[in-house]
């Protein structure tokens, strides 16, 4: 049985919705049911396993994270 946490952020405040005592499968089922029903009222929700973010919902679109290899230059915009 995998364990995890469900965290909700509203403004600057994070709140734990589910502790690891709730099986991760149940946390994911709860997240999915609220997502389908449109009941995610907080600004952001994270469902996290040991070291892995599994599901994420954010009201505001955030900039994508671009991973670069060590020693590799970051991508630069092309000039016209």
PDB file of N, CA and C in Angstrom:
ATOM      1  N   UNK A   1       0.852  -1.177   0.000  1.00  0.00           N
ATOM      2  CA  UNK A   1       0.000   0.000   0.000  1.00  0.00           C
ATOM      3  C   UNK A   1       0.894   1.236   0.000  1.00  0.00           C
ATOM      4  N   UNK A   2       0.685   2.122  -0.984  1.00  0.00           N
ATOM      5  CA  UNK A   2       1.461   3.347  -1.068  1.00  0.00           C
ATOM      6  C   UNK A   2       0.811   4.419  -0.204  1.00  0.00           C
ATOM      7  N   UNK A   3       1.649   5.223   0.428  1.00  0.00           N
ATOM      8  CA  UNK A   3       1.165   6.303   1.277  1.00  0.00           C
ATOM      9  C   UNK A   3       1.474   7.642   0.630  1.00  0.00           C
ATOM     10  N   UNK A   4       0.744   8.656   0.994  1.00  0.00           N
ATOM     11  CA  UNK A   4       0.966   9.983   0.445  1.00  0.00           C
ATOM     12  C   UNK A   4       0.241  11.034   1.250  1.00  0.00           C
ATOM     13  N   UNK A   5       0.314  12.269   0.769  1.00  0.00           N
ATOM     14  CA  UNK A   5      -0.343  13.413   1.383  1.00  0.00           C
ATOM     15  C   UNK A   5      -1.142  14.149   0.324  1.00  0.00           C
ATOM     16  N   UNK A   6      -2.223  14.774   0.729  1.00  0.00           N
ATOM     17  CA  UNK A   6      -2.935  15.710  -0.130  1.00  0.00           C
ATOM     18  C   UNK A   6      -2.884  17.063   0.565  1.00  0.00           C
ATOM     19  N   UNK A   7      -2.346  18.057  -0.141  1.00  0.00           N
ATOM     20  CA  UNK A   7      -2.192  19.406   0.397  1.00  0.00           C
ATOM     21  C   UNK A   7      -3.021  20.375  -0.426  1.00  0.00           C
ATOM     22  N   UNK A   8      -3.652  21.334   0.253  1.00  0.00           N
ATOM     23  CA  UNK A   8      -4.422  22.383  -0.415  1.00  0.00           C
ATOM     24  C   UNK A   8      -3.829  23.735  -0.045  1.00  0.00           C
ATOM     25  N   UNK A   9      -3.725  24.623  -1.048  1.00  0.00           N
ATOM     26  CA  UNK A   9      -3.235  25.988  -0.790  1.00  0.00           C
ATOM     27  C   UNK A   9      -4.338  26.967  -1.140  1.00  0.00           C
ATOM     28  N   UNK A  10      -4.607  27.865  -0.193  1.00  0.00           N
ATOM     29  CA  UNK A  10      -5.510  28.975  -0.412  1.00  0.00           C
ATOM     30  C   UNK A  10      -4.753  30.228   0.003  1.00  0.00           C
ATOM     31  N   UNK A  11      -4.444  31.082  -0.968  1.00  0.00           N
ATOM     32  CA  UNK A  11      -3.624  32.259  -0.678  1.00  0.00           C
ATOM     33  C   UNK A  11      -2.230  31.828  -0.290  1.00  0.00           C
ATOM     34  N   UNK A  12      -1.772  32.242   0.890  1.00  0.00           N
ATOM     35  CA  UNK A  12      -0.441  31.885   1.377  1.00  0.00           C
ATOM     36  C   UNK A  12      -0.477  30.731   2.371  1.00  0.00           C
ATOM     37  N   UNK A  13      -1.635  30.129   2.574  1.00  0.00           N
ATOM     38  CA  UNK A  13      -1.800  29.103   3.598  1.00  0.00           C
ATOM     39  C   UNK A  13      -1.943  27.718   2.966  1.00  0.00           C
ATOM     40  N   UNK A  14      -1.113  26.775   3.426  1.00  0.00           N
ATOM     41  CA  UNK A  14      -1.211  25.381   3.012  1.00  0.00           C
ATOM     42  C   UNK A  14      -1.930  24.601   4.101  1.00  0.00           C
ATOM     43  N   UNK A  15      -2.802  23.696   3.710  1.00  0.00           N
ATOM     44  CA  UNK A  15      -3.548  22.871   4.669  1.00  0.00           C
ATOM     45  C   UNK A  15      -3.453  21.416   4.228  1.00  0.00           C
ATOM     46  N   UNK A  16      -3.229  20.518   5.177  1.00  0.00           N
ATOM     47  CA  UNK A  16      -3.181  19.086   4.878  1.00  0.00           C
ATOM     48  C   UNK A  16      -4.616  18.579   4.849  1.00  0.00           C
ATOM     49  N   UNK A  17      -5.014  18.038   3.701  1.00  0.00           N
ATOM     50  CA  UNK A  17      -6.366  17.492   3.578  1.00  0.00           C
ATOM     51  C   UNK A  17      -6.381  16.015   3.964  1.00  0.00           C
ATOM     52  N   UNK A  18      -5.364  15.257   3.525  1.00  0.00           N
ATOM     53  CA  UNK A  18      -5.276  13.838   3.857  1.00  0.00           C
ATOM     54  C   UNK A  18      -3.877  13.544   4.384  1.00  0.00           C
ATOM     55  N   UNK A  19      -3.801  12.847   5.513  1.00  0.00           N
ATOM     56  CA  UNK A  19      -2.525  12.401   6.083  1.00  0.00           C
ATOM     57  C   UNK A  19      -2.155  11.046   5.495  1.00  0.00           C
ATOM     58  N   UNK A  20      -0.907  10.588   5.704  1.00  0.00           N
ATOM     59  CA  UNK A  20      -0.493   9.281   5.177  1.00  0.00           C
ATOM     60  C   UNK A  20      -1.299   8.104   5.712  1.00  0.00           C
ATOM     61  N   UNK A  21      -2.100   8.304   6.750  1.00  0.00           N
ATOM     62  CA  UNK A  21      -2.930   7.211   7.260  1.00  0.00           C
ATOM     63  C   UNK A  21      -4.041   6.839   6.274  1.00  0.00           C
ATOM     64  N   UNK A  22      -4.352   7.741   5.327  1.00  0.00           N
ATOM     65  CA  UNK A  22      -5.333   7.461   4.282  1.00  0.00           C
ATOM     66  C   UNK A  22      -4.573   6.886   3.082  1.00  0.00           C
ATOM     67  N   UNK A  23      -4.936   5.708   2.590  1.00  0.00           N
ATOM     68  CA  UNK A  23      -4.223   5.126   1.453  1.00  0.00           C
ATOM     69  C   UNK A  23      -4.214   6.073   0.251  1.00  0.00           C
ATOM     70  N   UNK A  24      -3.100   6.050  -0.483  1.00  0.00           N
ATOM     71  CA  UNK A  24      -2.923   6.947  -1.616  1.00  0.00           C
ATOM     72  C   UNK A  24      -4.011   6.746  -2.671  1.00  0.00           C
ATOM     73  N   UNK A  25      -4.435   5.522  -2.878  1.00  0.00           N
ATOM     74  CA  UNK A  25      -5.495   5.255  -3.857  1.00  0.00           C
ATOM     75  C   UNK A  25      -6.787   5.980  -3.474  1.00  0.00           C
ATOM     76  N   UNK A  26      -7.110   6.018  -2.185  1.00  0.00           N
ATOM     77  CA  UNK A  26      -8.305   6.729  -1.725  1.00  0.00           C
ATOM     78  C   UNK A  26      -8.146   8.238  -1.904  1.00  0.00           C
ATOM     79  N   UNK A  27      -6.919   8.746  -1.668  1.00  0.00           N
ATOM     80  CA  UNK A  27      -6.665  10.177  -1.858  1.00  0.00           C
ATOM     81  C   UNK A  27      -6.833  10.561  -3.324  1.00  0.00           C
ATOM     82  N   UNK A  28      -6.313   9.714  -4.220  1.00  0.00           N
ATOM     83  CA  UNK A  28      -6.435   9.987  -5.650  1.00  0.00           C
ATOM     84  C   UNK A  28      -7.893   9.909  -6.110  1.00  0.00           C
ATOM     85  N   UNK A  29      -8.637   8.949  -5.582  1.00  0.00           N
ATOM     86  CA  UNK A  29     -10.055   8.823  -5.930  1.00  0.00           C
ATOM     87  C   UNK A  29     -10.830  10.054  -5.463  1.00  0.00           C
ATOM     88  N   UNK A  30     -10.532  10.554  -4.262  1.00  0.00           N
ATOM     89  CA  UNK A  30     -11.177  11.753  -3.734  1.00  0.00           C
ATOM     90  C   UNK A  30     -10.838  12.967  -4.601  1.00  0.00           C
ATOM     91  N   UNK A  31      -9.553  13.104  -4.968  1.00  0.00           N
ATOM     92  CA  UNK A  31      -9.116  14.211  -5.822  1.00  0.00           C
ATOM     93  C   UNK A  31      -9.861  14.172  -7.159  1.00  0.00           C
ATOM     94  N   UNK A  32      -9.900  12.995  -7.784  1.00  0.00           N
ATOM     95  CA  UNK A  32     -10.528  12.860  -9.101  1.00  0.00           C
ATOM     96  C   UNK A  32     -12.016  13.161  -9.034  1.00  0.00           C
ATOM     97  N   UNK A  33     -12.688  12.683  -7.997  1.00  0.00           N
ATOM     98  CA  UNK A  33     -14.133  12.937  -7.890  1.00  0.00           C
ATOM     99  C   UNK A  33     -14.417  14.427  -7.711  1.00  0.00           C
ATOM    100  N   UNK A  34     -13.597  15.116  -6.907  1.00  0.00           N
ATOM    101  CA  UNK A  34     -13.775  16.561  -6.734  1.00  0.00           C
ATOM    102  C   UNK A  34     -13.437  17.318  -8.017  1.00  0.00           C
ATOM    103  N   UNK A  35     -12.415  16.854  -8.742  1.00  0.00           N
ATOM    104  CA  UNK A  35     -12.025  17.497  -9.995  1.00  0.00           C
ATOM    105  C   UNK A  35     -13.144  17.365 -11.036  1.00  0.00           C
ATOM    106  N   UNK A  36     -13.713  16.178 -11.157  1.00  0.00           N
ATOM    107  CA  UNK A  36     -14.791  15.940 -12.124  1.00  0.00           C
ATOM    108  C   UNK A  36     -16.033  16.747 -11.758  1.00  0.00           C
ATOM    109  N   UNK A  37     -16.333  16.830 -10.460  1.00  0.00           N
ATOM    110  CA  UNK A  37     -17.521  17.556 -10.007  1.00  0.00           C
ATOM    111  C   UNK A  37     -17.308  19.067  -9.959  1.00  0.00           C
ATOM    112  N   UNK A  38     -16.052  19.533 -10.146  1.00  0.00           N
ATOM    113  CA  UNK A  38     -15.761  20.965 -10.083  1.00  0.00           C
ATOM    114  C   UNK A  38     -15.776  21.518  -8.675  1.00  0.00           C
ATOM    115  N   UNK A  39     -15.443  20.691  -7.693  1.00  0.00           N
ATOM    116  CA  UNK A  39     -15.501  21.090  -6.290  1.00  0.00           C
ATOM    117  C   UNK A  39     -14.143  21.479  -5.710  1.00  0.00           C
ATOM    118  N   UNK A  40     -13.125  21.665  -6.557  1.00  0.00           N
ATOM    119  CA  UNK A  40     -11.817  22.085  -6.054  1.00  0.00           C
ATOM    120  C   UNK A  40     -11.854  23.595  -5.857  1.00  0.00           C
ATOM    121  N   UNK A  41     -12.078  24.019  -4.618  1.00  0.00           N
ATOM    122  CA  UNK A  41     -12.291  25.434  -4.329  1.00  0.00           C
ATOM    123  C   UNK A  41     -11.023  26.170  -3.915  1.00  0.00           C
ATOM    124  N   UNK A  42      -9.956  25.448  -3.608  1.00  0.00           N
ATOM    125  CA  UNK A  42      -8.724  26.104  -3.181  1.00  0.00           C
ATOM    126  C   UNK A  42      -7.923  26.525  -4.411  1.00  0.00           C
ATOM    127  N   UNK A  43      -6.877  27.345  -4.209  1.00  0.00           N
ATOM    128  CA  UNK A  43      -6.054  27.831  -5.309  1.00  0.00           C
ATOM    129  C   UNK A  43      -5.211  26.728  -5.929  1.00  0.00           C
ATOM    130  N   UNK A  44      -4.749  25.795  -5.120  1.00  0.00           N
ATOM    131  CA  UNK A  44      -3.872  24.739  -5.619  1.00  0.00           C
ATOM    132  C   UNK A  44      -4.044  23.496  -4.769  1.00  0.00           C
ATOM    133  N   UNK A  45      -3.990  22.330  -5.393  1.00  0.00           N
ATOM    134  CA  UNK A  45      -4.058  21.044  -4.700  1.00  0.00           C
ATOM    135  C   UNK A  45      -2.903  20.186  -5.174  1.00  0.00           C
ATOM    136  N   UNK A  46      -2.179  19.574  -4.236  1.00  0.00           N
ATOM    137  CA  UNK A  46      -1.096  18.657  -4.560  1.00  0.00           C
ATOM    138  C   UNK A  46      -1.378  17.312  -3.918  1.00  0.00           C
ATOM    139  N   UNK A  47      -1.268  16.239  -4.695  1.00  0.00           N
ATOM    140  CA  UNK A  47      -1.322  14.883  -4.169  1.00  0.00           C
ATOM    141  C   UNK A  47       0.089  14.341  -4.323  1.00  0.00           C
ATOM    142  N   UNK A  48       0.745  14.061  -3.208  1.00  0.00           N
ATOM    143  CA  UNK A  48       2.169  13.752  -3.210  1.00  0.00           C
ATOM    144  C   UNK A  48       2.422  12.377  -2.610  1.00  0.00           C
ATOM    145  N   UNK A  49       3.185  11.543  -3.312  1.00  0.00           N
ATOM    146  CA  UNK A  49       3.672  10.280  -2.788  1.00  0.00           C
ATOM    147  C   UNK A  49       5.019  10.556  -2.134  1.00  0.00           C
ATOM    148  N   UNK A  50       5.735   9.532  -1.704  1.00  0.00           N
ATOM    149  CA  UNK A  50       6.985   9.710  -0.966  1.00  0.00           C
ATOM    150  C   UNK A  50       7.834  10.861  -1.493  1.00  0.00           C
ATOM    151  N   UNK A  51       8.226  10.837  -2.761  1.00  0.00           N
ATOM    152  CA  UNK A  51       9.031  11.935  -3.296  1.00  0.00           C
ATOM    153  C   UNK A  51       8.545  12.337  -4.678  1.00  0.00           C
ATOM    154  N   UNK A  52       7.284  12.098  -4.962  1.00  0.00           N
ATOM    155  CA  UNK A  52       6.795  12.272  -6.315  1.00  0.00           C
ATOM    156  C   UNK A  52       5.436  12.965  -6.297  1.00  0.00           C
ATOM    157  N   UNK A  53       5.292  14.085  -7.022  1.00  0.00           N
ATOM    158  CA  UNK A  53       4.002  14.733  -7.151  1.00  0.00           C
ATOM    159  C   UNK A  53       3.190  13.970  -8.188  1.00  0.00           C
ATOM    160  N   UNK A  54       2.050  13.453  -7.789  1.00  0.00           N
ATOM    161  CA  UNK A  54       1.244  12.613  -8.663  1.00  0.00           C
ATOM    162  C   UNK A  54       0.183  13.431  -9.386  1.00  0.00           C
ATOM    163  N   UNK A  55      -0.574  14.199  -8.661  1.00  0.00           N
ATOM    164  CA  UNK A  55      -1.632  15.004  -9.263  1.00  0.00           C
ATOM    165  C   UNK A  55      -1.492  16.430  -8.777  1.00  0.00           C
ATOM    166  N   UNK A  56      -1.783  17.376  -9.666  1.00  0.00           N
ATOM    167  CA  UNK A  56      -1.697  18.776  -9.284  1.00  0.00           C
ATOM    168  C   UNK A  56      -2.807  19.538  -9.979  1.00  0.00           C
ATOM    169  N   UNK A  57      -3.429  20.431  -9.252  1.00  0.00           N
ATOM    170  CA  UNK A  57      -4.448  21.315  -9.796  1.00  0.00           C
ATOM    171  C   UNK A  57      -4.125  22.719  -9.331  1.00  0.00           C
ATOM    172  N   UNK A  58      -4.058  23.665 -10.248  1.00  0.00           N
ATOM    173  CA  UNK A  58      -3.835  25.063  -9.890  1.00  0.00           C
ATOM    174  C   UNK A  58      -4.812  25.909 -10.698  1.00  0.00           C
ATOM    175  N   UNK A  59      -5.426  26.905 -10.043  1.00  0.00           N
ATOM    176  CA  UNK A  59      -6.369  27.768 -10.735  1.00  0.00           C
ATOM    177  C   UNK A  59      -5.661  28.647 -11.751  1.00  0.00           C
ATOM    178  N   UNK A  60      -4.499  29.199 -11.375  1.00  0.00           N
ATOM    179  CA  UNK A  60      -3.758  30.075 -12.270  1.00  0.00           C
ATOM    180  C   UNK A  60      -2.728  29.248 -13.036  1.00  0.00           C
ATOM    181  N   UNK A  61      -2.590  29.548 -14.313  1.00  0.00           N
ATOM    182  CA  UNK A  61      -1.581  28.843 -15.108  1.00  0.00           C
ATOM    183  C   UNK A  61      -0.203  29.318 -14.688  1.00  0.00           C
ATOM    184  N   UNK A  62       0.696  28.381 -14.499  1.00  0.00           N
ATOM    185  CA  UNK A  62       2.058  28.746 -14.124  1.00  0.00           C
ATOM    186  C   UNK A  62       2.974  28.466 -15.299  1.00  0.00           C
ATOM    187  N   UNK A  63       4.114  29.133 -15.284  1.00  0.00           N
ATOM    188  CA  UNK A  63       5.092  28.950 -16.356  1.00  0.00           C
ATOM    189  C   UNK A  63       5.658  27.545 -16.292  1.00  0.00           C
ATOM    190  N   UNK A  64       5.861  26.896 -17.434  1.00  0.00           N
ATOM    191  CA  UNK A  64       6.417  25.548 -17.418  1.00  0.00           C
ATOM    192  C   UNK A  64       7.863  25.552 -16.949  1.00  0.00           C
ATOM    193  N   UNK A  65       8.238  24.489 -16.280  1.00  0.00           N
ATOM    194  CA  UNK A  65       9.606  24.349 -15.798  1.00  0.00           C
ATOM    195  C   UNK A  65      10.416  23.650 -16.884  1.00  0.00           C
ATOM    196  N   UNK A  66      11.544  24.277 -17.257  1.00  0.00           N
ATOM    197  CA  UNK A  66      12.399  23.701 -18.291  1.00  0.00           C
ATOM    198  C   UNK A  66      13.638  23.162 -17.606  1.00  0.00           C
ATOM    199  N   UNK A  67      13.829  21.851 -17.671  1.00  0.00           N
ATOM    200  CA  UNK A  67      14.981  21.218 -17.046  1.00  0.00           C
ATOM    201  C   UNK A  67      16.142  21.217 -18.031  1.00  0.00           C
ATOM    202  N   UNK A  68      17.333  21.565 -17.543  1.00  0.00           N
ATOM    203  CA  UNK A  68      18.529  21.540 -18.380  1.00  0.00           C
ATOM    204  C   UNK A  68      19.559  20.633 -17.733  1.00  0.00           C
ATOM    205  N   UNK A  69      20.354  20.006 -18.557  1.00  0.00           N
ATOM    206  CA  UNK A  69      21.425  19.154 -18.060  1.00  0.00           C
ATOM    207  C   UNK A  69      22.553  20.029 -17.530  1.00  0.00           C
ATOM    208  N   UNK A  70      23.320  19.553 -16.538  1.00  0.00           N
ATOM    209  CA  UNK A  70      24.453  20.328 -16.051  1.00  0.00           C
ATOM    210  C   UNK A  70      25.436  20.582 -17.185  1.00  0.00           C
ATOM    211  N   UNK A  71      25.881  21.821 -17.296  1.00  0.00           N
ATOM    212  CA  UNK A  71      26.820  22.190 -18.340  1.00  0.00           C
ATOM    213  C   UNK A  71      26.149  22.578 -19.641  1.00  0.00           C
ATOM    214  N   UNK A  72      24.845  22.367 -19.741  1.00  0.00           N
ATOM    215  CA  UNK A  72      24.106  22.710 -20.953  1.00  0.00           C
ATOM    216  C   UNK A  72      23.587  24.133 -20.819  1.00  0.00           C
ATOM    217  N   UNK A  73      23.662  24.890 -21.909  1.00  0.00           N
ATOM    218  CA  UNK A  73      23.171  26.258 -21.861  1.00  0.00           C
ATOM    219  C   UNK A  73      21.650  26.254 -21.855  1.00  0.00           C
ATOM    220  N   UNK A  74      21.084  27.238 -21.195  1.00  0.00           N
ATOM    221  CA  UNK A  74      19.627  27.332 -21.190  1.00  0.00           C
ATOM    222  C   UNK A  74      19.157  27.776 -22.569  1.00  0.00           C
ATOM    223  N   UNK A  75      17.965  27.351 -22.974  1.00  0.00           N
ATOM    224  CA  UNK A  75      17.481  27.708 -24.311  1.00  0.00           C
ATOM    225  C   UNK A  75      17.283  29.211 -24.439  1.00  0.00           C
ATOM    226  N   UNK A  76      17.708  29.752 -25.584  1.00  0.00           N
ATOM    227  CA  UNK A  76      17.567  31.200 -25.835  1.00  0.00           C
ATOM    228  C   UNK A  76      16.584  31.393 -26.974  1.00  0.00           C
ATOM    229  N   UNK A  77      15.815  32.476 -26.907  1.00  0.00           N
ATOM    230  CA  UNK A  77      14.873  32.719 -28.004  1.00  0.00           C
ATOM    231  C   UNK A  77      15.628  33.031 -29.296  1.00  0.00           C
ATOM    232  N   UNK A  78      15.055  32.595 -30.410  1.00  0.00           N
ATOM    233  CA  UNK A  78      15.682  32.857 -31.720  1.00  0.00           C
ATOM    234  C   UNK A  78      15.411  34.269 -32.157  1.00  0.00           C
ATOM    235  N   UNK A  79      16.412  34.889 -32.748  1.00  0.00           N
ATOM    236  CA  UNK A  79      16.247  36.239 -33.285  1.00  0.00           C
ATOM    237  C   UNK A  79      15.720  36.159 -34.699  1.00  0.00           C
ATOM    238  N   UNK A  80      14.886  37.106 -35.054  1.00  0.00           N
ATOM    239  CA  UNK A  80      14.320  37.137 -36.419  1.00  0.00           C
ATOM    240  C   UNK A  80      15.152  38.011 -37.302  1.00  0.00           C
TER     241      UNK A  80
END
